[in-house]
Amino acid sequence: MDQATATPAVSIRPSRADDCAEIVRMIRELAEFENLPEQVEISDQGLCKDGFSQDPFYKCVVAEVPPQCRSKDGHTIVGYSLYFFTYSTWKGRNIYMEDLYVMPEFRGKGIGKKLLSTIAEIGLGKGCTQLKFAALDWNRSAIDFYLGKGAVDLTATEGWHMFRFEADAMRRLAGGQWDN
């Protein structure tokens, strides 16, 4: 611990394949927090395959504390941010942050800020013009965190809504079968 600020000495580093079990653990913790635990289907093997194959679908950074600062359950990886690159026909290269998570006992110590800063730095290094992400409308602390760092709420300012098609709907679309 840094005695002056009581903040653990945290390092942010690119994730490795052997971190996948820890990342899945935190994905499940995040899903619990979001009241959606039944929606997590990814395994550490799937996460490893998707992130560490020849053509990875995502990248990830982890927040790691020294062993003497580990969590009460013995974890040294205490946060993560998973991201990937997208493209805007208006702005060009974008980075999309799928998740930013810090274990509850390590919140309020600047770790989330370090993760977010790292994602912004990675995006800028790749020539990205925007960092995009979503937050649940009821997660006021996350919304305030992002707004406080300069994010713009596109739903409020521009009226954009984010949509998705689930696998069944994708199969219907791919087969030319739509509801109307």
C-alpha atoms as a PDB file:
ATOM      1  CA  MET A   1       0.000   0.000   0.000  1.00  0.00           C
ATOM      2  CA  ASP A   2       1.038   3.554  -0.658  1.00  0.00           C
ATOM      3  CA  GLN A   3       0.920   4.834   2.915  1.00  0.00           C
ATOM      4  CA  ALA A   4       0.393   8.457   1.890  1.00  0.00           C
ATOM      5  CA  THR A   5      -2.856   7.802   0.053  1.00  0.00           C
ATOM      6  CA  ALA A   6      -3.824   4.308   1.258  1.00  0.00           C
ATOM      7  CA  THR A   7      -4.042   3.321  -2.413  1.00  0.00           C
ATOM      8  CA  PRO A   8      -2.590  -0.007  -3.459  1.00  0.00           C
ATOM      9  CA  ALA A   9       0.306   0.165  -5.890  1.00  0.00           C
ATOM     10  CA  VAL A  10      -1.590  -0.956  -8.968  1.00  0.00           C
ATOM     11  CA  SER A  11      -0.204  -1.726 -12.388  1.00  0.00           C
ATOM     12  CA  ILE A  12      -2.251  -1.767 -15.563  1.00  0.00           C
ATOM     13  CA  ARG A  13      -1.006  -4.268 -18.110  1.00  0.00           C
ATOM     14  CA  PRO A  14      -2.257  -6.132 -21.186  1.00  0.00           C
ATOM     15  CA  SER A  15      -4.052  -9.319 -20.214  1.00  0.00           C
ATOM     16  CA  ARG A  16      -2.497 -12.697 -20.911  1.00  0.00           C
ATOM     17  CA  ALA A  17      -4.174 -15.982 -21.755  1.00  0.00           C
ATOM     18  CA  ASP A  18      -3.543 -17.217 -18.219  1.00  0.00           C
ATOM     19  CA  ASP A  19      -5.594 -14.251 -16.883  1.00  0.00           C
ATOM     20  CA  CYS A  20      -8.815 -15.460 -18.531  1.00  0.00           C
ATOM     21  CA  ALA A  21     -10.152 -17.331 -15.484  1.00  0.00           C
ATOM     22  CA  GLU A  22      -9.709 -14.177 -13.380  1.00  0.00           C
ATOM     23  CA  ILE A  23     -11.346 -12.026 -16.050  1.00  0.00           C
ATOM     24  CA  VAL A  24     -14.324 -14.393 -16.271  1.00  0.00           C
ATOM     25  CA  ARG A  25     -14.596 -14.246 -12.467  1.00  0.00           C
ATOM     26  CA  MET A  26     -14.886 -10.454 -12.672  1.00  0.00           C
ATOM     27  CA  ILE A  27     -17.274 -10.632 -15.645  1.00  0.00           C
ATOM     28  CA  ARG A  28     -19.545 -12.750 -13.432  1.00  0.00           C
ATOM     29  CA  GLU A  29     -19.173 -10.246 -10.568  1.00  0.00           C
ATOM     30  CA  LEU A  30     -20.132  -7.422 -12.934  1.00  0.00           C
ATOM     31  CA  ALA A  31     -23.140  -9.390 -14.196  1.00  0.00           C
ATOM     32  CA  GLU A  32     -24.259  -9.964 -10.592  1.00  0.00           C
ATOM     33  CA  PHE A  33     -23.995  -6.229  -9.934  1.00  0.00           C
ATOM     34  CA  GLU A  34     -26.020  -5.524 -13.080  1.00  0.00           C
ATOM     35  CA  ASN A  35     -28.654  -8.089 -11.982  1.00  0.00           C
ATOM     36  CA  LEU A  36     -28.034 -10.147 -15.127  1.00  0.00           C
ATOM     37  CA  PRO A  37     -25.971 -13.159 -13.959  1.00  0.00           C
ATOM     38  CA  GLU A  38     -27.946 -15.614 -16.093  1.00  0.00           C
ATOM     39  CA  GLN A  39     -26.794 -13.838 -19.262  1.00  0.00           C
ATOM     40  CA  VAL A  40     -23.106 -14.727 -18.824  1.00  0.00           C
ATOM     41  CA  GLU A  41     -22.371 -17.652 -21.130  1.00  0.00           C
ATOM     42  CA  ILE A  42     -18.646 -17.140 -21.740  1.00  0.00           C
ATOM     43  CA  SER A  43     -16.131 -19.519 -20.183  1.00  0.00           C
ATOM     44  CA  ASP A  44     -12.474 -18.843 -19.542  1.00  0.00           C
ATOM     45  CA  GLN A  45     -11.688 -21.237 -22.433  1.00  0.00           C
ATOM     46  CA  GLY A  46     -13.984 -19.277 -24.772  1.00  0.00           C
ATOM     47  CA  LEU A  47     -12.548 -15.989 -23.606  1.00  0.00           C
ATOM     48  CA  CYS A  48      -9.032 -17.323 -24.168  1.00  0.00           C
ATOM     49  CA  LYS A  49      -9.873 -18.561 -27.673  1.00  0.00           C
ATOM     50  CA  ASP A  50     -11.581 -15.290 -28.623  1.00  0.00           C
ATOM     51  CA  GLY A  51      -8.845 -13.052 -27.264  1.00  0.00           C
ATOM     52  CA  PHE A  52      -5.647 -14.958 -27.868  1.00  0.00           C
ATOM     53  CA  SER A  53      -6.145 -16.672 -31.224  1.00  0.00           C
ATOM     54  CA  GLN A  54      -4.498 -15.619 -34.470  1.00  0.00           C
ATOM     55  CA  ASP A  55      -7.407 -13.241 -35.193  1.00  0.00           C
ATOM     56  CA  PRO A  56      -8.552 -11.998 -31.750  1.00  0.00           C
ATOM     57  CA  PHE A  57     -12.017 -10.500 -31.317  1.00  0.00           C
ATOM     58  CA  TYR A  58     -11.076  -8.347 -28.325  1.00  0.00           C
ATOM     59  CA  LYS A  59      -8.220  -7.009 -26.250  1.00  0.00           C
ATOM     60  CA  CYS A  60      -8.115  -6.467 -22.523  1.00  0.00           C
ATOM     61  CA  VAL A  61      -6.069  -4.770 -19.849  1.00  0.00           C
ATOM     62  CA  VAL A  62      -6.044  -5.801 -16.209  1.00  0.00           C
ATOM     63  CA  ALA A  63      -5.385  -3.939 -12.974  1.00  0.00           C
ATOM     64  CA  GLU A  64      -3.019  -5.895 -10.776  1.00  0.00           C
ATOM     65  CA  VAL A  65      -1.920  -5.208  -7.222  1.00  0.00           C
ATOM     66  CA  PRO A  66       1.145  -6.673  -5.504  1.00  0.00           C
ATOM     67  CA  PRO A  67       0.611  -9.882  -3.483  1.00  0.00           C
ATOM     68  CA  GLN A  68       0.751  -7.985  -0.174  1.00  0.00           C
ATOM     69  CA  CYS A  69      -2.248  -5.882  -1.330  1.00  0.00           C
ATOM     70  CA  ARG A  70      -4.369  -8.801  -2.608  1.00  0.00           C
ATOM     71  CA  SER A  71      -8.121  -8.868  -2.059  1.00  0.00           C
ATOM     72  CA  LYS A  72      -9.677 -10.459   0.993  1.00  0.00           C
ATOM     73  CA  ASP A  73     -10.308 -13.526  -1.221  1.00  0.00           C
ATOM     74  CA  GLY A  74      -6.676 -13.645  -2.372  1.00  0.00           C
ATOM     75  CA  HIS A  75      -6.964 -12.031  -5.824  1.00  0.00           C
ATOM     76  CA  THR A  76      -4.214  -9.820  -7.203  1.00  0.00           C
ATOM     77  CA  ILE A  77      -6.067  -9.028 -10.453  1.00  0.00           C
ATOM     78  CA  VAL A  78      -8.668  -6.599  -9.152  1.00  0.00           C
ATOM     79  CA  GLY A  79     -10.034  -4.920 -12.275  1.00  0.00           C
ATOM     80  CA  TYR A  80     -10.168  -5.111 -16.045  1.00  0.00           C
ATOM     81  CA  SER A  81     -11.260  -3.269 -19.127  1.00  0.00           C
ATOM     82  CA  LEU A  82     -12.158  -5.207 -22.260  1.00  0.00           C
ATOM     83  CA  TYR A  83     -12.170  -3.346 -25.581  1.00  0.00           C
ATOM     84  CA  PHE A  84     -12.132  -3.733 -29.343  1.00  0.00           C
ATOM     85  CA  PHE A  85     -11.878  -1.490 -32.371  1.00  0.00           C
ATOM     86  CA  THR A  86     -14.797  -0.297 -34.465  1.00  0.00           C
ATOM     87  CA  TYR A  87     -15.248   2.142 -37.298  1.00  0.00           C
ATOM     88  CA  SER A  88     -17.417   5.234 -37.729  1.00  0.00           C
ATOM     89  CA  THR A  89     -18.318   6.250 -41.248  1.00  0.00           C
ATOM     90  CA  TRP A  90     -18.368   9.838 -39.984  1.00  0.00           C
ATOM     91  CA  LYS A  91     -15.288   9.902 -37.758  1.00  0.00           C
ATOM     92  CA  GLY A  92     -13.093   6.957 -38.764  1.00  0.00           C
ATOM     93  CA  ARG A  93     -11.367   4.733 -36.201  1.00  0.00           C
ATOM     94  CA  ASN A  94     -13.061   4.149 -32.844  1.00  0.00           C
ATOM     95  CA  ILE A  95     -12.315   2.127 -29.760  1.00  0.00           C
ATOM     96  CA  TYR A  96     -15.243   0.488 -27.966  1.00  0.00           C
ATOM     97  CA  MET A  97     -14.923  -0.276 -24.268  1.00  0.00           C
ATOM     98  CA  GLU A  98     -17.185  -3.247 -23.546  1.00  0.00           C
ATOM     99  CA  ASP A  99     -16.462  -3.385 -19.816  1.00  0.00           C
ATOM    100  CA  LEU A 100     -14.649  -1.418 -17.161  1.00  0.00           C
ATOM    101  CA  TYR A 101     -14.778  -3.164 -13.791  1.00  0.00           C
ATOM    102  CA  VAL A 102     -13.027  -2.786 -10.460  1.00  0.00           C
ATOM    103  CA  MET A 103     -13.741  -5.117  -7.544  1.00  0.00           C
ATOM    104  CA  PRO A 104     -15.839  -3.330  -4.882  1.00  0.00           C
ATOM    105  CA  GLU A 105     -13.137  -3.396  -2.203  1.00  0.00           C
ATOM    106  CA  PHE A 106     -10.745  -1.570  -4.553  1.00  0.00           C
ATOM    107  CA  ARG A 107     -13.121   1.144  -5.778  1.00  0.00           C
ATOM    108  CA  GLY A 108     -12.495   4.776  -4.973  1.00  0.00           C
ATOM    109  CA  LYS A 109      -8.726   4.297  -5.182  1.00  0.00           C
ATOM    110  CA  GLY A 110      -8.153   5.592  -8.721  1.00  0.00           C
ATOM    111  CA  ILE A 111      -8.009   2.168 -10.384  1.00  0.00           C
ATOM    112  CA  GLY A 112     -11.013   2.810 -12.633  1.00  0.00           C
ATOM    113  CA  LYS A 113      -9.463   6.105 -13.713  1.00  0.00           C
ATOM    114  CA  LYS A 114      -6.213   4.310 -14.567  1.00  0.00           C
ATOM    115  CA  LEU A 115      -8.067   1.675 -16.592  1.00  0.00           C
ATOM    116  CA  LEU A 116     -10.089   4.317 -18.469  1.00  0.00           C
ATOM    117  CA  SER A 117      -6.970   6.397 -19.096  1.00  0.00           C
ATOM    118  CA  THR A 118      -5.186   3.330 -20.475  1.00  0.00           C
ATOM    119  CA  ILE A 119      -8.034   2.598 -22.900  1.00  0.00           C
ATOM    120  CA  ALA A 120      -7.997   6.232 -24.076  1.00  0.00           C
ATOM    121  CA  GLU A 121      -4.220   6.073 -24.536  1.00  0.00           C
ATOM    122  CA  ILE A 122      -4.488   2.827 -26.538  1.00  0.00           C
ATOM    123  CA  GLY A 123      -7.205   4.323 -28.732  1.00  0.00           C
ATOM    124  CA  LEU A 124      -5.234   7.480 -29.408  1.00  0.00           C
ATOM    125  CA  GLY A 125      -2.165   5.386 -30.193  1.00  0.00           C
ATOM    126  CA  LYS A 126      -4.189   3.555 -32.859  1.00  0.00           C
ATOM    127  CA  GLY A 127      -5.506   6.805 -34.350  1.00  0.00           C
ATOM    128  CA  CYS A 128      -8.999   6.508 -32.885  1.00  0.00           C
ATOM    129  CA  THR A 129     -11.155   9.625 -32.813  1.00  0.00           C
ATOM    130  CA  GLN A 130     -13.743   8.347 -30.318  1.00  0.00           C
ATOM    131  CA  LEU A 131     -13.985   6.102 -27.277  1.00  0.00           C
ATOM    132  CA  LYS A 132     -17.457   4.593 -27.086  1.00  0.00           C
ATOM    133  CA  PHE A 133     -19.177   2.537 -24.375  1.00  0.00           C
ATOM    134  CA  ALA A 134     -22.567   2.000 -22.769  1.00  0.00           C
ATOM    135  CA  ALA A 135     -23.757   2.309 -19.185  1.00  0.00           C
ATOM    136  CA  LEU A 136     -26.983   1.079 -17.659  1.00  0.00           C
ATOM    137  CA  ASP A 137     -29.446   3.912 -17.090  1.00  0.00           C
ATOM    138  CA  TRP A 138     -29.784   3.071 -13.373  1.00  0.00           C
ATOM    139  CA  ASN A 139     -26.031   2.948 -12.696  1.00  0.00           C
ATOM    140  CA  ARG A 140     -25.784   6.560 -11.585  1.00  0.00           C
ATOM    141  CA  SER A 141     -22.314   6.198 -10.085  1.00  0.00           C
ATOM    142  CA  ALA A 142     -20.913   4.937 -13.419  1.00  0.00           C
ATOM    143  CA  ILE A 143     -22.724   7.633 -15.389  1.00  0.00           C
ATOM    144  CA  ASP A 144     -21.442  10.336 -13.033  1.00  0.00           C
ATOM    145  CA  PHE A 145     -17.926   8.860 -13.219  1.00  0.00           C
ATOM    146  CA  TYR A 146     -17.892   9.015 -17.026  1.00  0.00           C
ATOM    147  CA  LEU A 147     -19.578  12.424 -17.258  1.00  0.00           C
ATOM    148  CA  GLY A 148     -17.078  13.744 -14.737  1.00  0.00           C
ATOM    149  CA  LYS A 149     -14.246  12.687 -17.048  1.00  0.00           C
ATOM    150  CA  GLY A 150     -15.747  14.469 -20.064  1.00  0.00           C
ATOM    151  CA  ALA A 151     -17.948  11.796 -21.665  1.00  0.00           C
ATOM    152  CA  VAL A 152     -21.052  12.862 -23.582  1.00  0.00           C
ATOM    153  CA  ASP A 153     -24.358  11.018 -23.010  1.00  0.00           C
ATOM    154  CA  LEU A 154     -25.492  10.479 -26.623  1.00  0.00           C
ATOM    155  CA  THR A 155     -28.968   9.350 -25.586  1.00  0.00           C
ATOM    156  CA  ALA A 156     -29.542  12.646 -23.803  1.00  0.00           C
ATOM    157  CA  THR A 157     -27.723  14.973 -26.229  1.00  0.00           C
ATOM    158  CA  GLU A 158     -28.308  13.399 -29.644  1.00  0.00           C
ATOM    159  CA  GLY A 159     -31.111  10.906 -29.085  1.00  0.00           C
ATOM    160  CA  TRP A 160     -29.101   7.845 -30.107  1.00  0.00           C
ATOM    161  CA  HIS A 161     -30.282   4.467 -28.858  1.00  0.00           C
ATOM    162  CA  MET A 162     -28.142   1.344 -28.899  1.00  0.00           C
ATOM    163  CA  PHE A 163     -29.753  -1.829 -30.284  1.00  0.00           C
ATOM    164  CA  ARG A 164     -28.782  -5.467 -30.702  1.00  0.00           C
ATOM    165  CA  PHE A 165     -30.066  -8.581 -32.384  1.00  0.00           C
ATOM    166  CA  GLU A 166     -29.763 -11.781 -30.340  1.00  0.00           C
ATOM    167  CA  ALA A 167     -28.683 -15.041 -32.021  1.00  0.00           C
ATOM    168  CA  ASP A 168     -32.221 -16.239 -32.887  1.00  0.00           C
ATOM    169  CA  ALA A 169     -33.080 -12.936 -34.517  1.00  0.00           C
ATOM    170  CA  MET A 170     -29.737 -13.003 -36.363  1.00  0.00           C
ATOM    171  CA  ARG A 171     -30.581 -16.451 -37.748  1.00  0.00           C
ATOM    172  CA  ARG A 172     -33.966 -15.204 -38.950  1.00  0.00           C
ATOM    173  CA  LEU A 173     -32.348 -12.174 -40.561  1.00  0.00           C
ATOM    174  CA  ALA A 174     -29.624 -14.268 -42.188  1.00  0.00           C
ATOM    175  CA  GLY A 175     -32.338 -16.573 -43.574  1.00  0.00           C
ATOM    176  CA  GLY A 176     -34.347 -13.638 -44.932  1.00  0.00           C
ATOM    177  CA  GLN A 177     -37.135 -14.208 -42.413  1.00  0.00           C
ATOM    178  CA  TRP A 178     -38.339 -11.026 -40.705  1.00  0.00           C
ATOM    179  CA  ASP A 179     -41.377 -10.436 -38.605  1.00  0.00           C
ATOM    180  CA  ASN A 180     -42.819  -7.729 -40.872  1.00  0.00           C
END
